[in-house]
Amino acid sequence: MKTLKYLALTAAVALAMGGLFALNSRAAQSASADGELAGKLRERVKQKLNLSEDQLAKIKSEFKAEKSNITGLLTRLHDAHAQLRTEIHKADATETSVREAAAKVSAVEADLAVERLKLYGKISPILTADQRAKLAEFEAGIDQFIERVINRIDSKLSE
């Protein structure tokens, strides 16, 4: 259950913060809908945290500096998840082979967590104390949402 919570929180934070630029890079390569999604997400974060244009520019600069790391990690994470899914579906899959594929996912998630740490260290000073508190509230809200989902799944599976 902790793994599911961690994955969901990682994904949400990656989308909310790091994903902005990953989505922007994808938007340049694919349909404009991706660009619209990134723009809407950026506007929502800007509005919720009440970011100034100067803060937004500084944050964007920090993400641009890490763009290749972020997109590389997200690509590696996607590939590791795809490999895990493939391994699970193999007719000759074993517990050991699935654990090895899952360990690769975990390794990429650890690298992503370190990248998030670095980004938070660079972005946190740009934010005011109030904005950092709002960000913490947002993360707590994500935790509560995930807990509600887990409880719903538990109750549905208990029926």
N, C-alpha and C. Protein backbone atom coordinates (compact mmCIF):
# COMPACT_ATOMS: atom_id res chain seq x y z
N MET A 1 0.83 -1.18 0.00
CA MET A 1 0.00 0.00 0.00
C MET A 1 0.88 1.25 0.00
N LYS A 2 1.98 1.20 0.73
CA LYS A 2 2.89 2.34 0.75
C LYS A 2 3.48 2.57 -0.63
N THR A 3 3.76 1.49 -1.36
CA THR A 3 4.32 1.63 -2.70
C THR A 3 3.34 2.34 -3.60
N LEU A 4 2.07 1.96 -3.54
CA LEU A 4 1.05 2.60 -4.36
C LEU A 4 0.95 4.07 -4.02
N LYS A 5 0.96 4.38 -2.74
CA LYS A 5 0.90 5.77 -2.29
C LYS A 5 2.10 6.54 -2.81
N TYR A 6 3.26 5.95 -2.69
CA TYR A 6 4.49 6.60 -3.14
C TYR A 6 4.46 6.84 -4.64
N LEU A 7 4.02 5.82 -5.40
CA LEU A 7 3.94 5.97 -6.85
C LEU A 7 2.99 7.09 -7.23
N ALA A 8 1.83 7.11 -6.61
CA ALA A 8 0.85 8.14 -6.93
C ALA A 8 1.37 9.52 -6.56
N LEU A 9 1.97 9.64 -5.40
CA LEU A 9 2.51 10.93 -4.98
C LEU A 9 3.65 11.35 -5.90
N THR A 10 4.51 10.42 -6.25
CA THR A 10 5.61 10.72 -7.15
C THR A 10 5.08 11.21 -8.50
N ALA A 11 4.09 10.50 -9.00
CA ALA A 11 3.52 10.90 -10.29
C ALA A 11 2.87 12.28 -10.21
N ALA A 12 2.13 12.51 -9.15
CA ALA A 12 1.45 13.80 -9.01
C ALA A 12 2.44 14.95 -8.89
N VAL A 13 3.45 14.77 -8.07
CA VAL A 13 4.44 15.83 -7.91
C VAL A 13 5.24 16.00 -9.19
N ALA A 14 5.58 14.89 -9.82
CA ALA A 14 6.33 14.99 -11.08
C ALA A 14 5.53 15.75 -12.12
N LEU A 15 4.23 15.48 -12.17
CA LEU A 15 3.40 16.24 -13.10
C LEU A 15 3.22 17.68 -12.68
N ALA A 16 3.01 17.88 -11.40
CA ALA A 16 2.77 19.24 -10.93
C ALA A 16 4.01 20.11 -11.06
N MET A 17 5.17 19.57 -10.83
CA MET A 17 6.38 20.39 -10.87
C MET A 17 7.24 20.01 -12.08
N GLY A 18 7.82 18.85 -12.05
CA GLY A 18 8.73 18.45 -13.12
C GLY A 18 8.05 18.17 -14.43
N GLY A 19 6.83 17.69 -14.36
CA GLY A 19 6.11 17.35 -15.56
C GLY A 19 5.75 18.52 -16.44
N LEU A 20 5.77 19.71 -15.89
CA LEU A 20 5.45 20.88 -16.69
C LEU A 20 6.33 20.95 -17.93
N PHE A 21 7.61 20.74 -17.75
CA PHE A 21 8.52 20.85 -18.87
C PHE A 21 8.55 19.59 -19.71
N ALA A 22 8.33 18.45 -19.08
CA ALA A 22 8.23 17.22 -19.86
C ALA A 22 7.03 17.31 -20.80
N LEU A 23 5.92 17.82 -20.28
CA LEU A 23 4.74 17.98 -21.11
C LEU A 23 4.97 19.03 -22.19
N ASN A 24 5.68 20.09 -21.85
CA ASN A 24 5.99 21.11 -22.84
C ASN A 24 6.83 20.54 -23.97
N SER A 25 7.80 19.70 -23.64
CA SER A 25 8.65 19.12 -24.69
C SER A 25 7.83 18.16 -25.55
N ARG A 26 6.94 17.42 -24.92
CA ARG A 26 6.05 16.53 -25.69
C ARG A 26 5.11 17.33 -26.55
N ALA A 27 4.65 18.47 -26.03
CA ALA A 27 3.71 19.30 -26.78
C ALA A 27 4.33 19.78 -28.07
N ALA A 28 5.62 20.05 -28.04
CA ALA A 28 6.30 20.50 -29.24
C ALA A 28 6.37 19.39 -30.28
N GLN A 29 6.35 18.14 -29.82
CA GLN A 29 6.48 17.01 -30.73
C GLN A 29 5.14 16.41 -31.14
N SER A 30 4.10 16.64 -30.35
CA SER A 30 2.83 15.97 -30.63
C SER A 30 1.71 16.98 -30.77
N ALA A 31 0.51 16.51 -30.61
CA ALA A 31 -0.68 17.34 -30.82
C ALA A 31 -0.73 18.52 -29.87
N SER A 32 -1.45 19.53 -30.27
CA SER A 32 -1.54 20.74 -29.45
C SER A 32 -2.29 20.49 -28.15
N ALA A 33 -3.03 19.41 -28.07
CA ALA A 33 -3.76 19.10 -26.83
C ALA A 33 -2.80 18.94 -25.67
N ASP A 34 -1.64 18.34 -25.92
CA ASP A 34 -0.63 18.20 -24.87
C ASP A 34 -0.16 19.57 -24.40
N GLY A 35 0.05 20.47 -25.34
CA GLY A 35 0.47 21.83 -25.01
C GLY A 35 -0.59 22.55 -24.20
N GLU A 36 -1.84 22.32 -24.55
CA GLU A 36 -2.94 22.93 -23.81
C GLU A 36 -2.98 22.38 -22.39
N LEU A 37 -2.76 21.09 -22.23
CA LEU A 37 -2.75 20.47 -20.91
C LEU A 37 -1.63 21.05 -20.06
N ALA A 38 -0.44 21.16 -20.64
CA ALA A 38 0.70 21.73 -19.90
C ALA A 38 0.40 23.17 -19.51
N GLY A 39 -0.18 23.92 -20.43
CA GLY A 39 -0.52 25.32 -20.13
C GLY A 39 -1.55 25.42 -19.02
N LYS A 40 -2.55 24.57 -19.06
CA LYS A 40 -3.58 24.57 -18.01
C LYS A 40 -2.98 24.18 -16.67
N LEU A 41 -2.10 23.18 -16.68
CA LEU A 41 -1.47 22.74 -15.45
C LEU A 41 -0.58 23.84 -14.89
N ARG A 42 0.20 24.48 -15.77
CA ARG A 42 1.07 25.58 -15.33
C ARG A 42 0.24 26.72 -14.74
N GLU A 43 -0.86 27.06 -15.39
CA GLU A 43 -1.73 28.13 -14.89
C GLU A 43 -2.35 27.76 -13.54
N ARG A 44 -2.74 26.51 -13.40
CA ARG A 44 -3.34 26.08 -12.14
C ARG A 44 -2.34 26.16 -10.99
N VAL A 45 -1.11 25.70 -11.24
CA VAL A 45 -0.06 25.78 -10.22
C VAL A 45 0.22 27.24 -9.90
N LYS A 46 0.33 28.06 -10.94
CA LYS A 46 0.59 29.49 -10.75
C LYS A 46 -0.51 30.13 -9.90
N GLN A 47 -1.74 29.80 -10.22
CA GLN A 47 -2.88 30.37 -9.50
C GLN A 47 -2.95 29.85 -8.07
N LYS A 48 -2.82 28.55 -7.87
CA LYS A 48 -2.94 27.97 -6.53
C LYS A 48 -1.85 28.47 -5.59
N LEU A 49 -0.63 28.63 -6.13
CA LEU A 49 0.47 29.10 -5.29
C LEU A 49 0.61 30.62 -5.33
N ASN A 50 -0.20 31.27 -6.17
CA ASN A 50 -0.14 32.72 -6.32
C ASN A 50 1.28 33.17 -6.69
N LEU A 51 1.83 32.53 -7.73
CA LEU A 51 3.19 32.82 -8.17
C LEU A 51 3.23 34.11 -8.97
N SER A 52 4.25 34.90 -8.74
CA SER A 52 4.46 36.11 -9.55
C SER A 52 5.10 35.69 -10.87
N GLU A 53 5.08 36.59 -11.83
CA GLU A 53 5.72 36.31 -13.12
C GLU A 53 7.22 36.08 -12.92
N ASP A 54 7.83 36.83 -12.02
CA ASP A 54 9.26 36.67 -11.74
C ASP A 54 9.54 35.28 -11.15
N GLN A 55 8.71 34.86 -10.20
CA GLN A 55 8.89 33.53 -9.61
C GLN A 55 8.72 32.45 -10.67
N LEU A 56 7.69 32.62 -11.49
CA LEU A 56 7.42 31.64 -12.53
C LEU A 56 8.61 31.55 -13.49
N ALA A 57 9.17 32.67 -13.86
CA ALA A 57 10.32 32.68 -14.77
C ALA A 57 11.53 31.98 -14.12
N LYS A 58 11.75 32.24 -12.84
CA LYS A 58 12.87 31.59 -12.15
C LYS A 58 12.67 30.08 -12.05
N ILE A 59 11.45 29.67 -11.73
CA ILE A 59 11.14 28.24 -11.63
C ILE A 59 11.30 27.58 -13.00
N LYS A 60 10.78 28.25 -14.02
CA LYS A 60 10.89 27.71 -15.37
C LYS A 60 12.36 27.55 -15.75
N SER A 61 13.17 28.51 -15.39
CA SER A 61 14.61 28.44 -15.67
C SER A 61 15.25 27.24 -14.98
N GLU A 62 14.87 26.99 -13.74
CA GLU A 62 15.40 25.83 -13.00
C GLU A 62 15.00 24.52 -13.67
N PHE A 63 13.75 24.45 -14.12
CA PHE A 63 13.31 23.23 -14.79
C PHE A 63 13.98 23.07 -16.14
N LYS A 64 14.15 24.17 -16.86
CA LYS A 64 14.84 24.09 -18.16
C LYS A 64 16.25 23.56 -17.98
N ALA A 65 16.91 23.99 -16.92
CA ALA A 65 18.27 23.53 -16.66
C ALA A 65 18.30 22.02 -16.40
N GLU A 66 17.21 21.46 -15.91
CA GLU A 66 17.13 20.03 -15.58
C GLU A 66 16.30 19.25 -16.60
N LYS A 67 15.92 19.92 -17.69
CA LYS A 67 15.00 19.30 -18.66
C LYS A 67 15.47 17.92 -19.12
N SER A 68 16.72 17.80 -19.51
CA SER A 68 17.18 16.51 -20.02
C SER A 68 17.15 15.44 -18.93
N ASN A 69 17.48 15.83 -17.70
CA ASN A 69 17.40 14.88 -16.58
C ASN A 69 15.97 14.45 -16.35
N ILE A 70 15.06 15.42 -16.32
CA ILE A 70 13.65 15.11 -16.04
C ILE A 70 13.07 14.21 -17.12
N THR A 71 13.23 14.61 -18.37
CA THR A 71 12.64 13.81 -19.45
C THR A 71 13.31 12.44 -19.54
N GLY A 72 14.62 12.41 -19.29
CA GLY A 72 15.31 11.12 -19.30
C GLY A 72 14.79 10.19 -18.21
N LEU A 73 14.60 10.72 -17.02
CA LEU A 73 14.09 9.91 -15.91
C LEU A 73 12.65 9.46 -16.17
N LEU A 74 11.82 10.35 -16.67
CA LEU A 74 10.44 9.97 -16.95
C LEU A 74 10.37 8.92 -18.06
N THR A 75 11.25 9.03 -19.04
CA THR A 75 11.32 8.01 -20.10
C THR A 75 11.78 6.68 -19.52
N ARG A 76 12.83 6.73 -18.69
CA ARG A 76 13.31 5.49 -18.04
C ARG A 76 12.23 4.86 -17.17
N LEU A 77 11.47 5.70 -16.45
CA LEU A 77 10.40 5.18 -15.59
C LEU A 77 9.33 4.51 -16.43
N HIS A 78 8.94 5.17 -17.50
CA HIS A 78 7.93 4.58 -18.39
C HIS A 78 8.44 3.25 -18.95
N ASP A 79 9.67 3.23 -19.43
CA ASP A 79 10.24 2.00 -19.99
C ASP A 79 10.31 0.89 -18.95
N ALA A 80 10.71 1.23 -17.72
CA ALA A 80 10.80 0.22 -16.66
C ALA A 80 9.42 -0.33 -16.33
N HIS A 81 8.41 0.54 -16.29
CA HIS A 81 7.04 0.07 -16.03
C HIS A 81 6.56 -0.82 -17.18
N ALA A 82 6.87 -0.44 -18.41
CA ALA A 82 6.47 -1.25 -19.56
C ALA A 82 7.14 -2.61 -19.52
N GLN A 83 8.41 -2.64 -19.15
CA GLN A 83 9.13 -3.92 -19.04
C GLN A 83 8.54 -4.78 -17.92
N LEU A 84 8.17 -4.15 -16.82
CA LEU A 84 7.54 -4.89 -15.72
C LEU A 84 6.21 -5.48 -16.17
N ARG A 85 5.41 -4.68 -16.85
CA ARG A 85 4.12 -5.17 -17.35
C ARG A 85 4.32 -6.33 -18.31
N THR A 86 5.30 -6.21 -19.20
CA THR A 86 5.60 -7.29 -20.16
C THR A 86 6.02 -8.56 -19.42
N GLU A 87 6.86 -8.39 -18.41
CA GLU A 87 7.33 -9.54 -17.64
C GLU A 87 6.16 -10.24 -16.93
N ILE A 88 5.26 -9.46 -16.36
CA ILE A 88 4.11 -10.02 -15.66
C ILE A 88 3.24 -10.83 -16.61
N HIS A 89 3.14 -10.38 -17.86
CA HIS A 89 2.26 -11.04 -18.82
C HIS A 89 2.91 -12.23 -19.52
N LYS A 90 4.20 -12.42 -19.33
CA LYS A 90 4.87 -13.56 -19.97
C LYS A 90 4.33 -14.87 -19.42
N ALA A 91 4.20 -15.84 -20.30
CA ALA A 91 3.71 -17.15 -19.88
C ALA A 91 4.69 -17.84 -18.93
N ASP A 92 5.98 -17.58 -19.13
CA ASP A 92 6.99 -18.24 -18.30
C ASP A 92 7.53 -17.33 -17.20
N ALA A 93 6.80 -16.28 -16.86
CA ALA A 93 7.24 -15.36 -15.80
C ALA A 93 7.32 -16.09 -14.47
N THR A 94 8.30 -15.68 -13.69
CA THR A 94 8.46 -16.24 -12.36
C THR A 94 8.45 -15.10 -11.35
N GLU A 95 8.32 -15.46 -10.09
CA GLU A 95 8.39 -14.44 -9.05
C GLU A 95 9.73 -13.72 -9.11
N THR A 96 10.79 -14.46 -9.35
CA THR A 96 12.13 -13.86 -9.43
C THR A 96 12.23 -12.88 -10.59
N SER A 97 11.73 -13.26 -11.76
CA SER A 97 11.82 -12.37 -12.93
C SER A 97 10.99 -11.11 -12.74
N VAL A 98 9.84 -11.24 -12.09
CA VAL A 98 9.00 -10.07 -11.82
C VAL A 98 9.66 -9.18 -10.78
N ARG A 99 10.26 -9.78 -9.76
CA ARG A 99 10.97 -9.00 -8.75
C ARG A 99 12.15 -8.24 -9.37
N GLU A 100 12.85 -8.86 -10.30
CA GLU A 100 13.96 -8.19 -10.96
C GLU A 100 13.47 -7.00 -11.78
N ALA A 101 12.37 -7.18 -12.49
CA ALA A 101 11.80 -6.07 -13.27
C ALA A 101 11.28 -4.97 -12.35
N ALA A 102 10.68 -5.36 -11.23
CA ALA A 102 10.18 -4.37 -10.26
C ALA A 102 11.34 -3.61 -9.61
N ALA A 103 12.45 -4.29 -9.41
CA ALA A 103 13.63 -3.63 -8.83
C ALA A 103 14.16 -2.55 -9.76
N LYS A 104 14.04 -2.78 -11.08
CA LYS A 104 14.45 -1.76 -12.05
C LYS A 104 13.54 -0.53 -11.94
N VAL A 105 12.25 -0.76 -11.74
CA VAL A 105 11.32 0.35 -11.54
C VAL A 105 11.72 1.12 -10.28
N SER A 106 12.00 0.38 -9.23
CA SER A 106 12.38 1.01 -7.96
C SER A 106 13.65 1.83 -8.10
N ALA A 107 14.61 1.34 -8.85
CA ALA A 107 15.87 2.06 -9.04
C ALA A 107 15.63 3.39 -9.76
N VAL A 108 14.78 3.37 -10.77
CA VAL A 108 14.47 4.61 -11.49
C VAL A 108 13.69 5.56 -10.58
N GLU A 109 12.78 5.02 -9.77
CA GLU A 109 12.03 5.87 -8.84
C GLU A 109 12.97 6.52 -7.82
N ALA A 110 14.00 5.80 -7.40
CA ALA A 110 14.98 6.37 -6.48
C ALA A 110 15.74 7.51 -7.16
N ASP A 111 16.12 7.31 -8.41
CA ASP A 111 16.79 8.37 -9.15
C ASP A 111 15.87 9.58 -9.32
N LEU A 112 14.60 9.32 -9.58
CA LEU A 112 13.63 10.40 -9.72
C LEU A 112 13.44 11.14 -8.40
N ALA A 113 13.44 10.42 -7.30
CA ALA A 113 13.32 11.06 -5.98
C ALA A 113 14.51 11.98 -5.71
N VAL A 114 15.68 11.55 -6.10
CA VAL A 114 16.87 12.40 -5.92
C VAL A 114 16.75 13.65 -6.79
N GLU A 115 16.27 13.49 -8.00
CA GLU A 115 16.07 14.65 -8.89
C GLU A 115 15.04 15.60 -8.28
N ARG A 116 13.97 15.05 -7.72
CA ARG A 116 12.96 15.89 -7.06
C ARG A 116 13.58 16.64 -5.89
N LEU A 117 14.45 15.97 -5.13
CA LEU A 117 15.14 16.63 -4.03
C LEU A 117 15.96 17.82 -4.53
N LYS A 118 16.71 17.59 -5.60
CA LYS A 118 17.52 18.67 -6.18
C LYS A 118 16.65 19.84 -6.63
N LEU A 119 15.57 19.52 -7.33
CA LEU A 119 14.68 20.57 -7.83
C LEU A 119 14.02 21.32 -6.68
N TYR A 120 13.59 20.59 -5.66
CA TYR A 120 12.97 21.24 -4.52
C TYR A 120 13.97 22.18 -3.84
N GLY A 121 15.22 21.75 -3.76
CA GLY A 121 16.25 22.58 -3.17
C GLY A 121 16.48 23.87 -3.94
N LYS A 122 16.28 23.82 -5.24
CA LYS A 122 16.46 25.00 -6.08
C LYS A 122 15.21 25.88 -6.10
N ILE A 123 14.04 25.25 -6.03
CA ILE A 123 12.78 25.99 -6.17
C ILE A 123 12.28 26.52 -4.84
N SER A 124 12.49 25.79 -3.78
CA SER A 124 11.99 26.20 -2.47
C SER A 124 12.40 27.63 -2.10
N PRO A 125 13.66 28.02 -2.32
CA PRO A 125 14.03 29.40 -1.96
C PRO A 125 13.32 30.47 -2.80
N ILE A 126 12.83 30.07 -3.96
CA ILE A 126 12.10 31.02 -4.82
C ILE A 126 10.72 31.31 -4.24
N LEU A 127 10.16 30.35 -3.53
CA LEU A 127 8.82 30.46 -2.98
C LEU A 127 8.83 31.17 -1.63
N THR A 128 7.72 31.81 -1.33
CA THR A 128 7.56 32.41 -0.01
C THR A 128 7.18 31.31 0.98
N ALA A 129 7.24 31.62 2.25
CA ALA A 129 6.84 30.65 3.28
C ALA A 129 5.39 30.23 3.08
N ASP A 130 4.53 31.19 2.72
CA ASP A 130 3.12 30.90 2.48
C ASP A 130 2.95 29.95 1.29
N GLN A 131 3.72 30.18 0.24
CA GLN A 131 3.64 29.31 -0.94
C GLN A 131 4.14 27.90 -0.63
N ARG A 132 5.19 27.80 0.17
CA ARG A 132 5.67 26.47 0.57
C ARG A 132 4.61 25.75 1.41
N ALA A 133 3.91 26.50 2.25
CA ALA A 133 2.83 25.91 3.05
C ALA A 133 1.70 25.43 2.15
N LYS A 134 1.37 26.23 1.14
CA LYS A 134 0.31 25.81 0.19
C LYS A 134 0.72 24.57 -0.57
N LEU A 135 2.00 24.50 -0.94
CA LEU A 135 2.51 23.32 -1.63
C LEU A 135 2.40 22.09 -0.72
N ALA A 136 2.73 22.26 0.55
CA ALA A 136 2.61 21.15 1.52
C ALA A 136 1.14 20.73 1.67
N GLU A 137 0.23 21.70 1.67
CA GLU A 137 -1.21 21.39 1.73
C GLU A 137 -1.64 20.60 0.50
N PHE A 138 -1.14 21.01 -0.66
CA PHE A 138 -1.45 20.32 -1.91
C PHE A 138 -0.98 18.86 -1.83
N GLU A 139 0.23 18.66 -1.35
CA GLU A 139 0.76 17.31 -1.22
C GLU A 139 -0.05 16.50 -0.21
N ALA A 140 -0.45 17.13 0.89
CA ALA A 140 -1.28 16.43 1.89
C ALA A 140 -2.63 16.05 1.27
N GLY A 141 -3.15 16.93 0.44
CA GLY A 141 -4.41 16.63 -0.26
C GLY A 141 -4.26 15.44 -1.18
N ILE A 142 -3.13 15.34 -1.84
CA ILE A 142 -2.87 14.18 -2.71
C ILE A 142 -2.83 12.91 -1.87
N ASP A 143 -2.16 12.97 -0.71
CA ASP A 143 -2.11 11.82 0.19
C ASP A 143 -3.51 11.40 0.61
N GLN A 144 -4.33 12.37 0.98
CA GLN A 144 -5.70 12.06 1.40
C GLN A 144 -6.50 11.45 0.26
N PHE A 145 -6.32 11.98 -0.95
CA PHE A 145 -7.02 11.45 -2.11
C PHE A 145 -6.62 9.99 -2.34
N ILE A 146 -5.32 9.71 -2.29
CA ILE A 146 -4.84 8.34 -2.50
C ILE A 146 -5.37 7.41 -1.42
N GLU A 147 -5.40 7.87 -0.18
CA GLU A 147 -5.94 7.05 0.90
C GLU A 147 -7.41 6.74 0.66
N ARG A 148 -8.17 7.72 0.17
CA ARG A 148 -9.59 7.48 -0.13
C ARG A 148 -9.73 6.45 -1.26
N VAL A 149 -8.88 6.56 -2.28
CA VAL A 149 -8.92 5.60 -3.38
C VAL A 149 -8.60 4.20 -2.86
N ILE A 150 -7.57 4.08 -2.05
CA ILE A 150 -7.20 2.78 -1.49
C ILE A 150 -8.34 2.21 -0.66
N ASN A 151 -8.98 3.03 0.15
CA ASN A 151 -10.11 2.57 0.96
C ASN A 151 -11.27 2.13 0.09
N ARG A 152 -11.53 2.87 -1.00
CA ARG A 152 -12.61 2.47 -1.92
C ARG A 152 -12.28 1.13 -2.57
N ILE A 153 -11.04 0.97 -3.00
CA ILE A 153 -10.65 -0.30 -3.61
C ILE A 153 -10.81 -1.43 -2.61
N ASP A 154 -10.35 -1.19 -1.37
CA ASP A 154 -10.47 -2.20 -0.33
C ASP A 154 -11.93 -2.59 -0.11
N SER A 155 -12.80 -1.59 -0.02
CA SER A 155 -14.21 -1.89 0.23
C SER A 155 -14.85 -2.59 -0.96
N LYS A 156 -14.47 -2.22 -2.18
CA LYS A 156 -15.03 -2.88 -3.37
C LYS A 156 -14.56 -4.33 -3.47
N LEU A 157 -13.31 -4.56 -3.11
CA LEU A 157 -12.80 -5.93 -3.16
C LEU A 157 -13.34 -6.78 -2.03
N SER A 158 -13.84 -6.14 -0.98
CA SER A 158 -14.41 -6.87 0.14
C SER A 158 -15.85 -7.28 -0.11
N GLU A 159 -16.47 -6.72 -1.12
CA GLU A 159 -17.89 -7.02 -1.42
C GLU A 159 -18.05 -8.42 -1.95
